[in-house]
């Protein structure tokens, strides 16, 4: 995950911020080998954020185009989403290259234009063209570090569709505290690991308070009763100790935990910037021995608990991209890069 964060950061410069005018979304379109990349590299460099699945793939795959569309697809989509979402959140200029070669692609491309316009972007379409013989010659001499937009267009358009969807839902600007459920807005909050959370007795007091009514129906009438009930306490411990992703905690709840609030806030800011690509050190499920309810009576078992019972209520609100990654490309394309 650290590699993914570094990859996202490479696409951002101070110059790409739209400071005194509307942010620009420039789409360089044209047929295969028309000269789109040449134009982009000449006119849209540091003052634009590049959204290009092929370029991301090359960075993730150590500069190799091999197996594009087959290898590391999930990672590529995740990083592309992080780049596009961060650019939109921060109102940065965006540029991408597209091959708009079918009615289905045209429809999705228009939806992307409309969506970005609603988000305050000024749309610019640069149509690059050349004769067929020139395009064929260029394709025959294409460098292996340049994956054609013929293969990447579907990924890029799908990325923008996903970004606009979650932007409109407000998921890029805010979420909920994983402790109390109150709203946490970008760039507020604190990011904690599961070990930091379940290893704090104060957290378990909050859990009891939130679930008091249901626990009382099971004969647990106080937090002290909870600690003395091995069945219920183990059930709760297993439920929360399985969390594999970071916990977002609000400014009020952070005082519950014996952590450096300044450091945990910096982690949260980085998470917001990298849109769920960022994972802080130590993230992941923990063994029951890491759970501390304040009396030291929990199992000393060191094997991590099974993840199948992970708690699913009001958590993981930022995993919207996982579901979208299961679908086909926006234009229904399943192209893959062929050896040159």
Protein backbone atom coordinates (compact mmCIF):
# COMPACT_ATOMS: atom_id res chain seq x y z
CA UNK A 1 0.00 0.00 0.00
CA UNK A 2 2.91 2.38 0.64
CA UNK A 3 3.84 1.93 -3.03
CA UNK A 4 0.31 2.93 -4.04
CA UNK A 5 0.46 6.13 -1.99
CA UNK A 6 3.79 7.06 -3.57
CA UNK A 7 2.35 6.36 -7.00
CA UNK A 8 -0.64 8.63 -6.39
CA UNK A 9 1.59 11.45 -5.13
CA UNK A 10 3.64 11.42 -8.35
CA UNK A 11 0.72 12.83 -10.31
CA UNK A 12 0.29 16.00 -8.24
CA UNK A 13 2.11 19.31 -8.47
CA UNK A 14 1.30 22.76 -7.11
CA UNK A 15 0.76 23.98 -10.67
CA UNK A 16 -2.25 21.71 -11.24
CA UNK A 17 -4.37 23.58 -8.69
CA UNK A 18 -7.02 25.80 -10.30
CA UNK A 19 -6.56 28.89 -8.14
CA UNK A 20 -8.32 31.80 -9.81
CA UNK A 21 -10.68 30.16 -12.29
CA UNK A 22 -12.66 27.03 -12.94
CA UNK A 23 -10.65 23.81 -13.00
CA UNK A 24 -10.12 22.45 -16.50
CA UNK A 25 -10.88 18.94 -17.75
CA UNK A 26 -9.04 18.45 -21.03
CA UNK A 27 -9.81 15.35 -23.10
CA UNK A 28 -7.36 14.62 -25.88
CA UNK A 29 -9.24 12.37 -28.30
CA UNK A 30 -8.42 10.76 -31.59
CA UNK A 31 -7.80 7.51 -33.40
CA UNK A 32 -5.07 5.03 -32.57
CA UNK A 33 -1.60 6.65 -32.92
CA UNK A 34 -3.03 10.01 -34.00
CA UNK A 35 -0.55 11.88 -31.78
CA UNK A 36 -2.57 12.33 -28.58
CA UNK A 37 0.32 11.63 -26.23
CA UNK A 38 2.63 13.96 -28.13
CA UNK A 39 0.09 16.77 -27.81
CA UNK A 40 -0.52 16.09 -24.12
CA UNK A 41 3.18 16.04 -23.25
CA UNK A 42 3.65 19.35 -25.05
CA UNK A 43 0.64 21.26 -23.76
CA UNK A 44 -0.67 19.58 -20.56
CA UNK A 45 2.13 18.61 -18.20
CA UNK A 46 2.72 20.04 -14.72
CA UNK A 47 -0.43 22.17 -14.70
CA UNK A 48 -2.63 19.09 -15.18
CA UNK A 49 -3.23 15.85 -13.27
CA UNK A 50 -2.92 12.95 -15.70
CA UNK A 51 -5.60 10.26 -15.37
CA UNK A 52 -4.24 7.35 -17.41
CA UNK A 53 -4.72 3.69 -16.50
CA UNK A 54 -1.82 2.69 -18.74
CA UNK A 55 0.61 5.09 -17.10
CA UNK A 56 -0.49 3.90 -13.64
CA UNK A 57 -0.09 0.28 -14.67
CA UNK A 58 3.45 0.90 -15.91
CA UNK A 59 4.39 2.47 -12.59
CA UNK A 60 2.88 -0.38 -10.58
CA UNK A 61 4.38 -3.04 -12.85
CA UNK A 62 7.97 -1.76 -12.77
CA UNK A 63 7.80 -0.15 -16.19
CA UNK A 64 6.49 -3.19 -18.04
CA UNK A 65 3.35 -3.21 -20.19
CA UNK A 66 3.12 -7.03 -20.09
CA UNK A 67 -0.26 -8.51 -19.12
CA UNK A 68 -2.06 -5.16 -19.04
CA UNK A 69 -5.73 -5.83 -18.30
CA UNK A 70 -4.86 -9.21 -16.77
CA UNK A 71 -2.30 -8.45 -14.08
CA UNK A 72 -2.87 -6.04 -11.16
CA UNK A 73 -6.22 -4.84 -12.48
CA UNK A 74 -7.62 -4.21 -8.99
CA UNK A 75 -4.56 -2.23 -7.88
CA UNK A 76 -4.58 -0.21 -11.09
CA UNK A 77 -8.26 0.69 -10.71
CA UNK A 78 -7.75 1.62 -7.07
CA UNK A 79 -4.86 3.97 -7.80
CA UNK A 80 -6.64 5.51 -10.80
CA UNK A 81 -9.67 6.18 -8.63
CA UNK A 82 -7.48 7.76 -5.95
CA UNK A 83 -5.82 10.06 -8.49
CA UNK A 84 -9.07 11.18 -10.12
CA UNK A 85 -10.94 11.57 -6.83
CA UNK A 86 -8.16 13.59 -5.22
CA UNK A 87 -7.96 15.83 -8.28
CA UNK A 88 -11.71 16.46 -8.21
CA UNK A 89 -11.80 17.06 -4.45
CA UNK A 90 -8.98 19.58 -4.68
CA UNK A 91 -10.36 21.25 -7.84
CA UNK A 92 -7.29 20.49 -9.95
CA UNK A 93 -6.94 20.58 -13.70
CA UNK A 94 -7.29 17.13 -15.29
CA UNK A 95 -6.11 15.69 -18.59
CA UNK A 96 -6.61 12.27 -20.18
CA UNK A 97 -6.37 10.58 -23.57
CA UNK A 98 -9.30 8.71 -25.09
CA UNK A 99 -10.20 6.68 -28.15
CA UNK A 100 -13.91 7.40 -28.65
CA UNK A 101 -14.66 4.79 -31.29
CA UNK A 102 -18.21 3.53 -30.67
CA UNK A 103 -21.68 4.78 -29.78
CA UNK A 104 -21.44 3.18 -26.33
CA UNK A 105 -18.19 5.00 -25.61
CA UNK A 106 -19.68 8.26 -26.87
CA UNK A 107 -22.59 7.94 -24.42
CA UNK A 108 -20.31 7.32 -21.44
CA UNK A 109 -17.96 10.11 -22.54
CA UNK A 110 -20.87 12.54 -22.67
CA UNK A 111 -21.99 11.45 -19.19
CA UNK A 112 -18.48 12.14 -17.90
CA UNK A 113 -18.47 15.61 -19.49
CA UNK A 114 -21.88 16.42 -18.03
CA UNK A 115 -20.90 15.17 -14.60
CA UNK A 116 -17.66 17.15 -14.47
CA UNK A 117 -19.47 20.26 -15.71
CA UNK A 118 -21.91 19.92 -12.80
CA UNK A 119 -18.92 19.73 -10.49
CA UNK A 120 -17.65 23.08 -11.76
CA UNK A 121 -15.20 21.98 -14.44
CA UNK A 122 -14.58 23.74 -17.73
CA UNK A 123 -14.51 21.07 -20.45
CA UNK A 124 -12.06 21.17 -23.34
CA UNK A 125 -11.94 18.53 -26.09
CA UNK A 126 -8.85 18.44 -28.29
CA UNK A 127 -9.42 16.33 -31.41
CA UNK A 128 -6.15 14.98 -32.80
CA UNK A 129 -6.10 13.42 -36.27
CA UNK A 130 -3.65 12.11 -38.84
CA UNK A 131 -3.80 10.04 -42.00
CA UNK A 132 -4.13 6.28 -41.73
CA UNK A 133 -0.68 5.46 -43.16
CA UNK A 134 1.04 7.73 -40.65
CA UNK A 135 -0.92 6.12 -37.81
CA UNK A 136 0.11 2.66 -38.98
CA UNK A 137 3.78 3.64 -39.10
CA UNK A 138 3.60 5.13 -35.61
CA UNK A 139 1.93 2.02 -34.23
CA UNK A 140 4.64 -0.18 -35.79
CA UNK A 141 7.31 1.78 -33.92
CA UNK A 142 5.37 2.29 -30.68
CA UNK A 143 7.60 2.18 -27.62
CA UNK A 144 6.98 -0.54 -25.04
CA UNK A 145 6.52 2.08 -22.32
CA UNK A 146 3.43 3.52 -23.99
CA UNK A 147 0.19 1.58 -23.55
CA UNK A 148 -2.34 2.72 -26.13
CA UNK A 149 -5.44 4.60 -25.03
CA UNK A 150 -7.29 2.09 -27.21
CA UNK A 151 -6.85 -0.28 -24.25
CA UNK A 152 -7.21 2.24 -21.42
CA UNK A 153 -10.24 4.33 -22.45
CA UNK A 154 -12.76 2.02 -20.76
CA UNK A 155 -10.87 2.12 -17.47
CA UNK A 156 -10.52 5.91 -17.55
CA UNK A 157 -14.18 6.60 -18.25
CA UNK A 158 -15.29 4.10 -15.60
CA UNK A 159 -12.99 5.83 -13.11
CA UNK A 160 -14.63 9.21 -13.75
CA UNK A 161 -18.13 7.71 -13.50
CA UNK A 162 -17.26 6.21 -10.10
CA UNK A 163 -15.69 9.45 -8.85
CA UNK A 164 -18.70 11.53 -9.84
CA UNK A 165 -21.06 9.05 -8.21
CA UNK A 166 -19.38 9.14 -4.82
CA UNK A 167 -18.77 12.87 -5.10
CA UNK A 168 -22.48 13.50 -5.52
CA UNK A 169 -23.22 11.23 -2.58
CA UNK A 170 -20.83 13.27 -0.42
CA UNK A 171 -18.56 10.28 0.25
CA UNK A 172 -15.44 12.15 -0.87
CA UNK A 173 -16.08 14.95 1.61
CA UNK A 174 -17.27 13.12 4.69
CA UNK A 175 -17.89 9.83 6.44
CA UNK A 176 -18.73 8.64 9.91
CA UNK A 177 -16.73 8.07 13.06
CA UNK A 178 -16.19 4.33 13.50
CA UNK A 179 -16.65 4.73 17.25
CA UNK A 180 -19.73 6.90 17.70
CA UNK A 181 -21.16 7.26 14.18
CA UNK A 182 -21.03 11.07 14.03
CA UNK A 183 -20.08 12.84 10.81
CA UNK A 184 -16.37 13.31 10.03
CA UNK A 185 -15.55 15.74 7.25
CA UNK A 186 -12.49 15.92 5.03
CA UNK A 187 -9.76 16.69 6.20
CA UNK A 188 -10.84 16.19 9.83
CA UNK A 189 -10.63 13.09 11.99
CA UNK A 190 -7.99 10.69 13.22
CA UNK A 191 -6.88 7.35 11.80
CA UNK A 192 -6.23 4.45 14.19
CA UNK A 193 -5.33 0.79 13.84
CA UNK A 194 -7.48 -2.03 15.17
CA UNK A 195 -4.82 -2.72 17.82
CA UNK A 196 -5.01 0.87 19.09
CA UNK A 197 -8.79 0.70 19.28
CA UNK A 198 -9.47 -2.71 20.84
CA UNK A 199 -6.53 -2.36 23.19
CA UNK A 200 -8.19 0.59 24.93
CA UNK A 201 -10.58 -0.17 27.87
CA UNK A 202 -12.35 3.15 27.30
CA UNK A 203 -13.42 1.99 23.86
CA UNK A 204 -15.17 -1.06 25.32
CA UNK A 205 -17.06 1.14 27.76
CA UNK A 206 -18.36 3.06 24.75
CA UNK A 207 -19.31 -0.21 23.02
CA UNK A 208 -21.26 -1.28 26.08
CA UNK A 209 -23.04 2.08 26.22
CA UNK A 210 -24.03 1.86 22.56
CA UNK A 211 -25.31 -1.71 22.88
CA UNK A 212 -26.69 -1.45 26.40
CA UNK A 213 -30.27 -2.42 25.58
CA UNK A 214 -29.41 -5.53 23.58
CA UNK A 215 -26.81 -6.61 26.14
CA UNK A 216 -29.25 -6.17 29.01
CA UNK A 217 -31.59 -8.59 27.27
CA UNK A 218 -28.76 -11.11 27.53
CA UNK A 219 -28.34 -10.53 31.24
CA UNK A 220 -25.44 -8.08 30.98
CA UNK A 221 -26.63 -5.14 33.05
CA UNK A 222 -23.36 -3.18 33.36
CA UNK A 223 -19.89 -2.90 31.89
CA UNK A 224 -18.58 -4.86 34.87
CA UNK A 225 -21.07 -7.63 34.06
CA UNK A 226 -19.76 -7.64 30.49
CA UNK A 227 -16.22 -8.25 31.67
CA UNK A 228 -17.43 -11.16 33.82
CA UNK A 229 -19.38 -12.81 30.99
CA UNK A 230 -16.87 -14.85 28.93
CA UNK A 231 -19.32 -15.72 26.17
CA UNK A 232 -20.50 -12.19 25.42
CA UNK A 233 -17.14 -10.51 25.86
CA UNK A 234 -15.42 -13.00 23.58
CA UNK A 235 -18.14 -12.52 20.98
CA UNK A 236 -17.61 -8.75 21.03
CA UNK A 237 -13.84 -9.08 21.05
CA UNK A 238 -13.89 -11.34 18.00
CA UNK A 239 -16.30 -9.04 16.20
CA UNK A 240 -14.11 -5.94 16.46
CA UNK A 241 -10.64 -7.49 16.49
CA UNK A 242 -11.19 -8.75 12.93
CA UNK A 243 -11.18 -5.28 11.38
CA UNK A 244 -8.47 -5.21 8.73
CA UNK A 245 -8.75 -1.58 7.61
CA UNK A 246 -8.07 1.71 9.45
CA UNK A 247 -10.58 3.21 11.87
CA UNK A 248 -11.70 6.79 11.30
CA UNK A 249 -12.29 8.50 14.66
CA UNK A 250 -13.83 11.93 15.29
CA UNK A 251 -12.30 14.76 17.29
CA UNK A 252 -14.46 14.00 20.33
CA UNK A 253 -13.80 10.27 20.50
CA UNK A 254 -10.03 10.53 20.01
CA UNK A 255 -9.65 11.61 23.64
CA UNK A 256 -10.72 8.08 24.62
CA UNK A 257 -7.51 6.62 23.24
CA UNK A 258 -3.97 6.97 24.65
CA UNK A 259 -2.45 8.05 21.33
CA UNK A 260 -0.66 11.06 19.88
CA UNK A 261 -3.64 12.97 18.48
CA UNK A 262 -1.41 15.07 16.27
CA UNK A 263 0.09 12.00 14.61
CA UNK A 264 -3.25 10.23 14.17
CA UNK A 265 -4.71 13.38 12.58
CA UNK A 266 -1.83 13.54 10.10
CA UNK A 267 -2.55 9.92 9.19
CA UNK A 268 -6.20 10.87 8.58
CA UNK A 269 -5.23 13.80 6.36
CA UNK A 270 -3.05 11.52 4.26
CA UNK A 271 -5.89 9.02 4.04
CA UNK A 272 -8.28 11.70 2.78
CA UNK A 273 -5.72 12.88 0.24
CA UNK A 274 -5.12 9.37 -1.11
CA UNK A 275 -8.77 8.30 -0.99
CA UNK A 276 -8.54 4.93 0.73
CA UNK A 277 -5.21 3.93 -0.85
CA UNK A 278 -3.41 4.94 2.33
CA UNK A 279 -2.93 2.38 5.09
CA UNK A 280 -1.13 3.43 8.23
CA UNK A 281 1.58 1.22 9.79
CA UNK A 282 0.24 -1.65 11.88
CA UNK A 283 -3.16 -1.82 10.19
CA UNK A 284 -4.91 -5.19 10.22
CA UNK A 285 -6.80 -7.71 12.35
CA UNK A 286 -5.30 -8.57 15.75
CA UNK A 287 -5.32 -11.62 18.05
CA UNK A 288 -7.67 -11.74 21.04
CA UNK A 289 -4.66 -11.19 23.29
CA UNK A 290 -4.54 -7.60 21.97
CA UNK A 291 -8.04 -6.87 23.34
CA UNK A 292 -8.01 -5.05 26.67
CA UNK A 293 -11.25 -4.39 28.54
CA UNK A 294 -9.42 -3.23 31.62
CA UNK A 295 -9.11 -6.42 33.66
CA UNK A 296 -6.59 -8.59 31.84
CA UNK A 297 -8.93 -11.59 31.71
CA UNK A 298 -9.08 -12.08 27.96
CA UNK A 299 -7.62 -15.12 26.26
CA UNK A 300 -3.89 -15.16 25.75
CA UNK A 301 -4.48 -16.80 22.37
CA UNK A 302 -2.07 -15.27 19.86
CA UNK A 303 -3.59 -16.58 16.63
CA UNK A 304 -5.51 -13.85 14.75
CA UNK A 305 -9.25 -14.34 15.00
CA UNK A 306 -11.18 -15.44 11.92
CA UNK A 307 -12.28 -12.63 9.66
CA UNK A 308 -15.62 -14.19 8.81
CA UNK A 309 -17.33 -12.62 11.82
CA UNK A 310 -16.12 -9.08 11.17
CA UNK A 311 -18.44 -6.34 12.40
CA UNK A 312 -20.30 -4.75 9.47
CA UNK A 313 -22.52 -2.05 11.00
CA UNK A 314 -21.70 1.60 10.19
CA UNK A 315 -18.15 0.60 9.24
CA UNK A 316 -16.13 0.60 6.04
CA UNK A 317 -18.07 3.45 4.48
CA UNK A 318 -15.08 4.24 2.28
CA UNK A 319 -14.97 0.90 0.47
CA UNK A 320 -17.28 2.13 -2.30
CA UNK A 321 -14.64 1.47 -4.95
CA UNK A 322 -14.46 -2.25 -4.13
CA UNK A 323 -17.93 -2.92 -5.45
CA UNK A 324 -17.41 -0.83 -8.56
CA UNK A 325 -14.25 -2.74 -9.41
CA UNK A 326 -16.30 -5.91 -9.87
CA UNK A 327 -18.09 -4.52 -12.93
CA UNK A 328 -17.03 -4.38 -16.55
CA UNK A 329 -15.52 -1.32 -18.14
CA UNK A 330 -17.82 1.61 -18.69
CA UNK A 331 -18.09 0.85 -22.39
CA UNK A 332 -18.36 -2.91 -21.95
CA UNK A 333 -14.86 -3.31 -23.39
CA UNK A 334 -12.65 -6.18 -22.32
CA UNK A 335 -9.60 -5.31 -24.39
CA UNK A 336 -6.17 -6.36 -23.22
CA UNK A 337 -2.75 -5.21 -24.34
CA UNK A 338 -1.21 -7.56 -26.89
CA UNK A 339 2.56 -8.09 -27.28
CA UNK A 340 4.08 -5.76 -29.82
